[in-house]
Structure formats: structure tokens, C-alpha cells
């Protein structure tokens, strides 16, 4: 439906980063919590417009959807009564799907970044949230991946077809809590799903009962095939952290391993940021950094770079993220070289909308991240200096 949007400038200027000389720009400044997540599938269009969620509460209270135009450095309110919990970004695509509560029922809406338009895709005649995770939209924009929780505390990972309005069940189990379903960035024929082995939900709280190790499973979009990937125990001594992102136009993804485990040594490099290509026997290390813990990871629109938040790490210290905010690093897939861009700043909490979730803009000119350096979360951009990425590739 055609709408008129009122654009405003919220930009703020911070001191350049000591680490790289990157210019730090604050993109949001209204008195509300703002976040731009999730970095695994960046909600950033091909022409550098990003989706920003605003709320006055860190919980699931419906909030506002804003767009920030990185080229013009301006923003606008596009919708209200939506939730980021049940949203479906199309990685570096022109579409962003989200759930909105309207007239006592939930609906899925589709935002087109350019031209800026919104339409309702489907209406659920129910007053409870239909989907319960930060999901994923396929490259074609037809399919959405998310999950339901059932009364018996099982989790069902599903794919919703926006054309037929049908749902396909990929898996249902107690151990598929927080599954992070992600479509591949080739044709969207596969969904990468996090399998939290040894975990169960009891009275609404997820608890660990066995130290089996979190792993990743590859499902076909139609639910007819399932492949357990050799990215965790028993194939390698580590479990995954739960943060992973596909590479563009490649049957491969990058992921971080658990802070409770030692760095992974593949014989050439040692660290906790790994790359796995479908069909390989084992993953290999993306960046040799045995004393750096990489957490939330993303990959660029071109597929040549990764971006991640990072902490100084005493291997085996699973509380590495407690008490301090991380730095942001960018690395080359081709060479394995990486460099730090800036500090996130502020404080770090247990609720996700405060986490940095950094990623590169579609044109690779800046890193987008969330920070509490103002006192509560706002969205920032670190403008990369000339030659930064070229130095990583040489």
C-alpha cells in the first residue's frame, strides 16, 4: 500500500576510532531503545537502507519499525505495533518481513526497502504471537523460516510459504530451542538450523542437562532431507556458540565456537571463528586468533568478508562476555587477515537488543552496530577508512 513517510535527520558525530581511524556516526537519537538485528541475515537492502526496531522495553512489547537511509543519513517511522522477535530479514535483499499486532490479531507484513512500500502478506486470527524467533527470508522472498513452541515444551522449526500460506515442518523436538534458522544465500533451497543438544525448556526456562555440545543441522526447504554437519562434537572437540552466517553464493557458512571450549586447531590456524563448506569432512579456521573470542558473526553482501564482535579471551572462560563490551573486527575470507575497526563502547547485558550484532553495509563502506555508549542502545555506523578492506586482501 502506498504511504507517505516523513524523513528526519538523527545523525550524531563521535570521535574517530583509535583502532582504525574509522569515523563513528550515531544513526539514531530519539529517546527510545533502538537496535538493528540480526547480523546473521542483515536487515540491510542493496541500496543501503536498514530496518531499525525501537521500543521502550527490552522484552517483547510491540514497538516501532524505522528505516535508516545510510546514503542520505536520515530516518523515518514506517510502522507501529510490530515486534523484532518474529521478523524475517532477507539478507542484503530488498525485503523485510515482520509480525504486527493489529485489531486484536497478528499479521505478517512485507516491507520493500525501495520503493518504500508495505503490504500485509497474511493474517493470523489469533491474539498470540505466531512465530517466536528472529527468522530468515529466502533469497526469492517467498519463504520464511521460524519456529513454534508447543504446550509440551517442544520446538517446531517451520517454513512458511507466503504464496500458498502453507507451513512445512522441518523438525520438532525439545532440543531445537533458539534454532536460528537461516536460508542459504544461493537459492534458498536449504535451511541451517541450530540443534541445542542436551538442552530442554522447563517451566519456560531453557536449561542444560547434558554437555553434549550445540551443533548445526542442514534441512532441505521442503523438509524431506536432513544432514547432521561435522561442525561440533564428536567430529571436532568443540561445540558451537550459536552464531553462524552463510556466505553469499557459496554452499558455505562461518560460525563461532563456544567460549567454554578451547580454540580449534585445524593444523594451519587456531581460533574460534570457523568456516565450513557443505561436503567437507571438517571446518577450517577463518582467523588465527587463539586469544580472541569472536561472538556474533556476519558475512558481507559480496561474500568476501566477515564482521564480528570480539573480546580478549582466556580460552575456556565461558564468562568472557560478562562485564565489558567488545571490539569489532573485520576479516578477509580469502586471506584470513583481520583488523579491528572500533570499540563497541557502553555496557553489555543479557538481553539481545543491546548486543552489538555488527555487519558491513551492502557497499562495504561502513560497519553497522548497536551500542549503549549513550546510556541505552542506539544504532551506529563506523565509516571504514580508504584502503581498509584492500589491506586485508593483500
Protein backbone atom coordinates (compact mmCIF):
# COMPACT_ATOMS: atom_id res chain seq x y z
CA UNK A 1 0.00 0.00 0.00
CA UNK A 2 1.30 3.44 -0.90
CA UNK A 3 2.25 5.61 2.08
CA UNK A 4 3.91 8.92 2.72
CA UNK A 5 6.88 8.86 5.06
CA UNK A 6 8.40 11.75 6.97
CA UNK A 7 12.19 11.68 6.92
CA UNK A 8 14.27 13.25 9.69
CA UNK A 9 17.98 13.52 10.46
CA UNK A 10 19.17 11.94 13.72
CA UNK A 11 22.85 11.74 12.90
CA UNK A 12 25.41 12.39 15.63
CA UNK A 13 29.20 12.64 15.41
CA UNK A 14 31.58 10.78 17.70
CA UNK A 15 35.34 10.77 17.98
CA UNK A 16 37.13 8.74 15.31
CA UNK A 17 38.12 5.22 16.33
CA UNK A 18 41.66 4.87 17.64
CA UNK A 19 41.94 1.33 16.24
CA UNK A 20 41.46 2.20 12.55
CA UNK A 21 40.62 5.86 12.14
CA UNK A 22 37.03 4.91 11.25
CA UNK A 23 34.59 7.79 11.59
CA UNK A 24 31.84 6.93 14.08
CA UNK A 25 28.35 8.16 13.29
CA UNK A 26 25.31 7.76 15.53
CA UNK A 27 22.34 6.93 13.29
CA UNK A 28 19.52 7.04 15.87
CA UNK A 29 18.99 9.54 18.67
CA UNK A 30 15.38 9.59 19.81
CA UNK A 31 14.71 8.76 23.47
CA UNK A 32 13.92 5.08 23.00
CA UNK A 33 15.86 1.84 22.75
CA UNK A 34 16.95 1.25 19.15
CA UNK A 35 18.52 -1.85 17.64
CA UNK A 36 19.29 -3.25 14.22
CA UNK A 37 19.35 -7.03 14.40
CA UNK A 38 20.09 -9.70 13.44
CA UNK A 39 23.55 -9.68 11.87
CA UNK A 40 23.38 -13.29 10.60
CA UNK A 41 20.92 -12.08 7.94
CA UNK A 42 21.50 -8.31 7.84
CA UNK A 43 18.31 -6.27 7.50
CA UNK A 44 20.09 -4.05 5.00
CA UNK A 45 18.95 -3.50 1.45
CA UNK A 46 21.04 -3.46 -1.69
CA UNK A 47 20.84 0.35 -1.68
CA UNK A 48 21.89 0.68 1.97
CA UNK A 49 18.61 1.14 3.78
CA UNK A 50 18.42 -0.65 7.12
CA UNK A 51 15.50 -1.69 9.33
CA UNK A 52 15.65 -0.40 12.91
CA UNK A 53 13.44 -1.53 15.78
CA UNK A 54 12.55 0.91 18.57
CA UNK A 55 10.95 0.12 21.91
CA UNK A 56 10.78 1.38 25.47
CA UNK A 57 11.13 -2.16 26.80
CA UNK A 58 13.80 -4.84 26.31
CA UNK A 59 11.08 -7.50 26.25
CA UNK A 60 8.55 -8.48 23.61
CA UNK A 61 6.38 -5.40 23.87
CA UNK A 62 5.45 -4.34 20.31
CA UNK A 63 7.41 -1.33 19.17
CA UNK A 64 8.10 0.80 16.11
CA UNK A 65 9.78 -0.02 12.82
CA UNK A 66 12.04 2.67 11.38
CA UNK A 67 14.16 2.86 8.26
CA UNK A 68 17.58 4.50 8.20
CA UNK A 69 18.97 5.50 4.82
CA UNK A 70 22.76 5.21 5.06
CA UNK A 71 23.33 7.16 1.86
CA UNK A 72 21.27 10.15 2.99
CA UNK A 73 21.93 9.71 6.73
CA UNK A 74 18.25 10.16 7.58
CA UNK A 75 15.48 8.03 9.08
CA UNK A 76 11.71 7.64 9.08
CA UNK A 77 8.99 5.83 11.01
CA UNK A 78 7.27 3.26 8.77
CA UNK A 79 5.09 1.14 11.11
CA UNK A 80 3.99 0.59 14.70
CA UNK A 81 2.86 -2.32 16.91
CA UNK A 82 5.44 -4.68 15.44
CA UNK A 83 7.93 -6.99 17.12
CA UNK A 84 11.50 -7.88 16.18
CA UNK A 85 11.10 -11.31 17.81
CA UNK A 86 9.10 -12.58 14.82
CA UNK A 87 10.84 -10.79 11.99
CA UNK A 88 12.37 -12.24 8.83
CA UNK A 89 15.17 -10.24 7.19
CA UNK A 90 16.19 -11.08 3.65
CA UNK A 91 19.98 -10.85 3.78
CA UNK A 92 21.02 -7.78 1.78
CA UNK A 93 17.76 -8.02 -0.16
CA UNK A 94 15.01 -5.54 -0.83
CA UNK A 95 12.51 -7.19 1.52
CA UNK A 96 11.97 -7.34 5.27
CA UNK A 97 9.10 -9.33 6.80
CA UNK A 98 7.77 -8.81 10.31
CA UNK A 99 4.81 -9.56 12.54
CA UNK A 100 2.45 -6.80 13.65
CA UNK A 101 -0.42 -6.83 16.14
CA UNK A 102 -3.41 -5.06 14.61
CA UNK A 103 -7.07 -5.03 15.66
CA UNK A 104 -6.58 -7.91 18.12
CA UNK A 105 -4.85 -10.20 15.63
CA UNK A 106 -1.34 -10.82 14.34
CA UNK A 107 -0.36 -10.35 10.72
CA UNK A 108 2.78 -10.76 8.64
CA UNK A 109 3.78 -7.66 6.74
CA UNK A 110 6.28 -7.22 3.94
CA UNK A 111 8.37 -4.08 3.75
CA UNK A 112 10.01 -3.26 0.43
CA UNK A 113 13.01 -1.01 1.03
CA UNK A 114 12.96 0.60 -2.41
CA UNK A 115 10.49 1.83 -3.37
CA UNK A 116 9.42 2.18 0.26
CA UNK A 117 6.15 0.22 0.45
CA UNK A 118 4.38 -2.06 2.95
CA UNK A 119 1.76 -4.73 2.35
CA UNK A 120 0.06 -7.34 4.51
CA UNK A 121 1.06 -10.86 3.46
CA UNK A 122 -1.08 -12.95 5.81
CA UNK A 123 -3.37 -12.51 8.82
CA UNK A 124 -3.47 -14.88 11.78
CA UNK A 125 -6.81 -14.71 13.55
CA UNK A 126 -5.24 -15.17 16.96
CA UNK A 127 -4.01 -12.96 19.79
CA UNK A 128 -0.75 -14.82 20.45
CA UNK A 129 2.46 -14.31 18.54
CA UNK A 130 2.52 -16.78 15.60
CA UNK A 131 6.33 -17.12 15.41
CA UNK A 132 8.93 -16.94 18.14
CA UNK A 133 12.38 -16.26 16.81
CA UNK A 134 14.40 -13.94 14.65
CA UNK A 135 13.81 -15.83 11.44
CA UNK A 136 15.01 -15.70 7.86
CA UNK A 137 13.54 -14.86 4.45
CA UNK A 138 14.64 -16.82 1.38
CA UNK A 139 16.57 -15.03 -1.42
CA UNK A 140 13.45 -15.18 -3.63
CA UNK A 141 11.33 -13.65 -0.86
CA UNK A 142 8.70 -16.37 -0.97
CA UNK A 143 9.62 -18.46 2.08
CA UNK A 144 10.04 -17.57 5.76
CA UNK A 145 11.76 -19.75 8.37
CA UNK A 146 10.93 -19.61 12.09
CA UNK A 147 9.56 -21.83 14.87
CA UNK A 148 6.63 -22.50 17.22
CA UNK A 149 6.64 -23.62 20.84
CA UNK A 150 4.09 -26.31 21.71
CA UNK A 151 2.37 -26.92 25.08
CA UNK A 152 4.57 -29.98 25.68
CA UNK A 153 7.65 -27.69 25.54
CA UNK A 154 8.77 -28.97 22.16
CA UNK A 155 10.00 -26.66 19.44
CA UNK A 156 8.93 -26.98 15.82
CA UNK A 157 11.05 -25.33 13.15
CA UNK A 158 8.87 -24.42 10.16
CA UNK A 159 8.96 -22.81 6.74
CA UNK A 160 6.00 -20.59 5.82
CA UNK A 161 5.12 -20.22 2.12
CA UNK A 162 3.84 -16.67 1.61
CA UNK A 163 2.15 -17.63 -1.67
CA UNK A 164 0.25 -20.77 -0.67
CA UNK A 165 0.01 -19.75 3.04
CA UNK A 166 1.04 -23.29 3.95
CA UNK A 167 3.56 -24.31 6.58
CA UNK A 168 6.19 -27.02 6.21
CA UNK A 169 7.54 -28.65 9.36
CA UNK A 170 11.30 -29.27 9.32
CA UNK A 171 11.73 -30.75 12.79
CA UNK A 172 10.02 -30.91 16.18
CA UNK A 173 11.97 -31.69 19.35
CA UNK A 174 12.73 -30.49 22.87
CA UNK A 175 16.27 -29.64 21.76
CA UNK A 176 15.54 -27.18 18.95
CA UNK A 177 15.08 -24.20 21.24
CA UNK A 178 16.53 -20.95 19.89
CA UNK A 179 17.20 -22.60 16.49
CA UNK A 180 18.46 -19.57 14.49
CA UNK A 181 17.03 -20.90 11.16
CA UNK A 182 18.84 -19.37 8.18
CA UNK A 183 18.24 -19.82 4.45
CA UNK A 184 21.32 -20.34 2.30
CA UNK A 185 22.27 -17.36 0.15
CA UNK A 186 22.33 -19.19 -3.18
CA UNK A 187 18.76 -20.26 -3.98
CA UNK A 188 17.27 -20.71 -0.54
CA UNK A 189 16.87 -24.44 -1.01
CA UNK A 190 18.31 -25.21 2.42
CA UNK A 191 17.80 -24.02 5.98
CA UNK A 192 20.64 -24.11 8.51
CA UNK A 193 19.25 -24.86 11.98
CA UNK A 194 20.90 -24.79 15.39
CA UNK A 195 20.43 -28.01 17.39
CA UNK A 196 20.87 -27.40 21.12
CA UNK A 197 21.75 -30.91 22.17
CA UNK A 198 21.37 -31.52 25.88
CA UNK A 199 19.04 -28.53 26.43
CA UNK A 200 15.35 -28.53 27.34
CA UNK A 201 12.81 -25.95 28.42
CA UNK A 202 11.38 -26.43 31.90
CA UNK A 203 8.64 -24.10 33.15
CA UNK A 204 9.52 -21.59 30.47
CA UNK A 205 13.26 -21.60 31.20
CA UNK A 206 15.85 -23.25 28.92
CA UNK A 207 18.24 -25.43 30.95
CA UNK A 208 21.25 -27.56 30.10
CA UNK A 209 21.02 -31.19 31.21
CA UNK A 210 23.92 -32.68 29.28
CA UNK A 211 27.15 -31.23 27.93
CA UNK A 212 26.65 -32.83 24.52
CA UNK A 213 27.54 -29.72 22.58
CA UNK A 214 25.43 -27.46 20.39
CA UNK A 215 25.64 -28.28 16.68
CA UNK A 216 24.13 -27.38 13.31
CA UNK A 217 21.79 -29.36 11.06
CA UNK A 218 21.02 -28.70 7.40
CA UNK A 219 17.42 -29.23 6.26
CA UNK A 220 16.06 -29.03 2.75
CA UNK A 221 13.42 -26.34 2.45
CA UNK A 222 10.70 -28.93 1.79
CA UNK A 223 11.64 -30.85 4.96
CA UNK A 224 12.42 -34.06 3.06
CA UNK A 225 16.15 -34.23 3.84
CA UNK A 226 18.27 -33.68 6.93
CA UNK A 227 22.07 -33.60 7.23
CA UNK A 228 23.99 -33.52 10.52
CA UNK A 229 27.03 -31.38 9.83
CA UNK A 230 30.53 -32.21 11.19
CA UNK A 231 31.00 -28.82 12.87
CA UNK A 232 30.79 -29.85 16.51
CA UNK A 233 31.46 -32.77 18.84
CA UNK A 234 32.19 -35.64 18.13
CA UNK A 235 33.70 -34.50 14.80
CA UNK A 236 35.81 -31.76 16.43
CA UNK A 237 36.42 -31.19 20.16
CA UNK A 238 34.30 -28.00 20.27
CA UNK A 239 30.64 -27.08 20.38
CA UNK A 240 29.27 -24.08 18.52
CA UNK A 241 28.37 -20.76 20.17
CA UNK A 242 25.08 -20.48 18.29
CA UNK A 243 26.16 -17.71 15.90
CA UNK A 244 26.56 -18.54 12.21
CA UNK A 245 26.12 -16.86 8.82
CA UNK A 246 26.06 -18.13 5.23
CA UNK A 247 28.48 -16.82 2.61
CA UNK A 248 26.89 -15.22 -0.43
CA UNK A 249 26.55 -17.53 -3.47
CA UNK A 250 28.55 -20.29 -1.77
CA UNK A 251 27.49 -23.55 -0.07
CA UNK A 252 29.48 -22.47 2.98
CA UNK A 253 29.00 -20.62 6.25
CA UNK A 254 31.10 -19.09 9.00
CA UNK A 255 30.47 -19.70 12.70
CA UNK A 256 31.98 -19.20 16.14
CA UNK A 257 32.60 -21.97 18.65
CA UNK A 258 31.62 -21.97 22.31
CA UNK A 259 33.64 -19.90 24.82
CA UNK A 260 33.51 -22.90 27.16
CA UNK A 261 35.80 -24.81 24.79
CA UNK A 262 39.44 -24.36 23.81
CA UNK A 263 40.25 -22.79 20.41
CA UNK A 264 40.04 -25.13 17.44
CA UNK A 265 43.33 -26.02 15.74
CA UNK A 266 42.95 -27.16 12.13
CA UNK A 267 46.68 -27.69 11.63
CA UNK A 268 47.20 -24.30 9.97
CA UNK A 269 45.39 -21.83 12.19
CA UNK A 270 44.00 -21.74 15.69
CA UNK A 271 40.92 -19.85 16.90
CA UNK A 272 37.20 -20.00 17.47
CA UNK A 273 35.95 -18.48 14.17
CA UNK A 274 35.49 -21.30 11.65
CA UNK A 275 34.32 -21.80 8.05
CA UNK A 276 32.57 -24.91 6.84
CA UNK A 277 31.70 -25.78 3.23
CA UNK A 278 28.95 -28.34 2.67
CA UNK A 279 30.54 -31.70 1.89
CA UNK A 280 33.83 -31.11 3.69
CA UNK A 281 34.90 -33.53 6.42
CA UNK A 282 35.75 -30.76 8.91
CA UNK A 283 35.71 -26.96 9.16
CA UNK A 284 38.80 -24.77 8.96
CA UNK A 285 39.76 -21.70 10.98
CA UNK A 286 38.89 -18.35 9.41
CA UNK A 287 41.22 -16.19 11.52
CA UNK A 288 44.28 -17.21 13.50
CA UNK A 289 43.48 -15.61 16.87
CA UNK A 290 43.78 -18.10 19.75
CA UNK A 291 43.43 -15.36 22.39
CA UNK A 292 40.49 -13.56 20.80
CA UNK A 293 36.92 -14.73 21.31
CA UNK A 294 34.68 -13.98 18.34
CA UNK A 295 30.95 -13.99 19.05
CA UNK A 296 28.20 -12.62 16.77
CA UNK A 297 29.35 -13.09 13.20
CA UNK A 298 28.11 -11.82 9.84
CA UNK A 299 29.29 -12.01 6.24
CA UNK A 300 29.32 -9.24 3.65
CA UNK A 301 26.92 -8.85 0.73
CA UNK A 302 29.75 -9.67 -1.69
CA UNK A 303 30.72 -12.78 0.29
CA UNK A 304 34.37 -11.74 0.63
CA UNK A 305 34.48 -10.56 4.23
CA UNK A 306 33.29 -11.36 7.72
CA UNK A 307 32.46 -8.99 10.57
CA UNK A 308 32.31 -9.94 14.23
CA UNK A 309 32.36 -8.64 17.80
CA UNK A 310 35.38 -9.82 19.75
CA UNK A 311 36.74 -9.99 23.29
CA UNK A 312 40.16 -10.67 24.75
CA UNK A 313 39.86 -14.32 25.71
CA UNK A 314 41.30 -16.68 28.23
CA UNK A 315 40.38 -19.92 26.43
CA UNK A 316 37.82 -21.94 28.33
CA UNK A 317 36.37 -18.89 30.11
CA UNK A 318 32.69 -19.05 29.16
CA UNK A 319 32.05 -15.77 31.03
CA UNK A 320 34.31 -13.91 28.61
CA UNK A 321 31.46 -11.58 27.53
CA UNK A 322 30.48 -10.58 31.07
CA UNK A 323 31.37 -7.16 32.38
CA UNK A 324 32.71 -5.50 29.24
CA UNK A 325 31.67 -4.57 25.72
CA UNK A 326 33.62 -5.96 22.76
CA UNK A 327 35.66 -4.60 19.89
CA UNK A 328 34.53 -5.01 16.28
CA UNK A 329 36.73 -6.86 13.80
CA UNK A 330 36.51 -7.34 10.03
CA UNK A 331 38.37 -10.07 8.17
CA UNK A 332 39.01 -11.39 4.67
CA UNK A 333 37.64 -14.79 3.71
CA UNK A 334 40.38 -15.10 1.05
CA UNK A 335 43.49 -14.30 3.08
CA UNK A 336 42.47 -14.95 6.69
CA UNK A 337 43.75 -11.50 7.70
CA UNK A 338 41.65 -9.37 10.01
CA UNK A 339 41.81 -5.98 11.74
CA UNK A 340 39.91 -4.19 14.47
CA UNK A 341 37.64 -1.34 13.44
CA UNK A 342 36.47 0.21 16.71
CA UNK A 343 35.24 -0.44 20.22
CA UNK A 344 31.51 -1.03 20.66
CA UNK A 345 31.51 1.01 23.87
CA UNK A 346 28.94 1.19 26.62
CA UNK A 347 27.82 -1.75 28.71
CA UNK A 348 26.81 -5.34 27.83
CA UNK A 349 23.64 -7.06 29.03
CA UNK A 350 21.91 -10.41 28.83
CA UNK A 351 19.06 -9.20 26.61
CA UNK A 352 19.70 -9.22 22.90
CA UNK A 353 18.63 -5.79 21.70
CA UNK A 354 21.68 -4.34 23.47
CA UNK A 355 24.14 -6.70 21.76
CA UNK A 356 26.29 -5.17 19.02
CA UNK A 357 25.39 -7.57 16.15
CA UNK A 358 27.82 -5.87 13.72
CA UNK A 359 27.72 -6.24 9.94
CA UNK A 360 29.02 -4.50 6.85
CA UNK A 361 26.75 -2.26 4.80
CA UNK A 362 25.82 -3.53 1.34
CA UNK A 363 28.53 -1.40 -0.28
CA UNK A 364 31.19 -2.42 2.29
CA UNK A 365 31.78 1.21 3.23
CA UNK A 366 30.80 1.01 6.89
CA UNK A 367 30.05 -1.34 9.79
CA UNK A 368 26.60 -1.09 11.37
CA UNK A 369 26.34 -1.95 15.06
CA UNK A 370 24.33 -1.34 18.22
CA UNK A 371 25.93 0.27 21.26
CA UNK A 372 24.92 1.55 24.70
CA UNK A 373 27.61 4.23 24.71
CA UNK A 374 24.84 6.86 25.08
CA UNK A 375 23.37 5.07 28.12
CA UNK A 376 20.85 2.94 26.26
CA UNK A 377 21.03 1.13 22.90
CA UNK A 378 21.29 3.15 19.72
CA UNK A 379 22.44 2.25 16.20
CA UNK A 380 25.83 3.40 14.93
CA UNK A 381 27.95 3.25 11.80
CA UNK A 382 31.73 3.04 11.66
CA UNK A 383 32.82 4.50 8.32
CA UNK A 384 35.80 2.45 7.11
CA UNK A 385 38.86 4.44 6.03
CA UNK A 386 40.14 4.18 2.47
CA UNK A 387 42.14 1.03 1.85
CA UNK A 388 40.93 -0.82 4.95
CA UNK A 389 39.48 -3.83 3.09
CA UNK A 390 42.14 -3.77 0.41
CA UNK A 391 44.82 -4.19 3.08
CA UNK A 392 43.04 -7.31 4.34
CA UNK A 393 43.04 -8.84 0.85
CA UNK A 394 46.71 -8.19 0.09
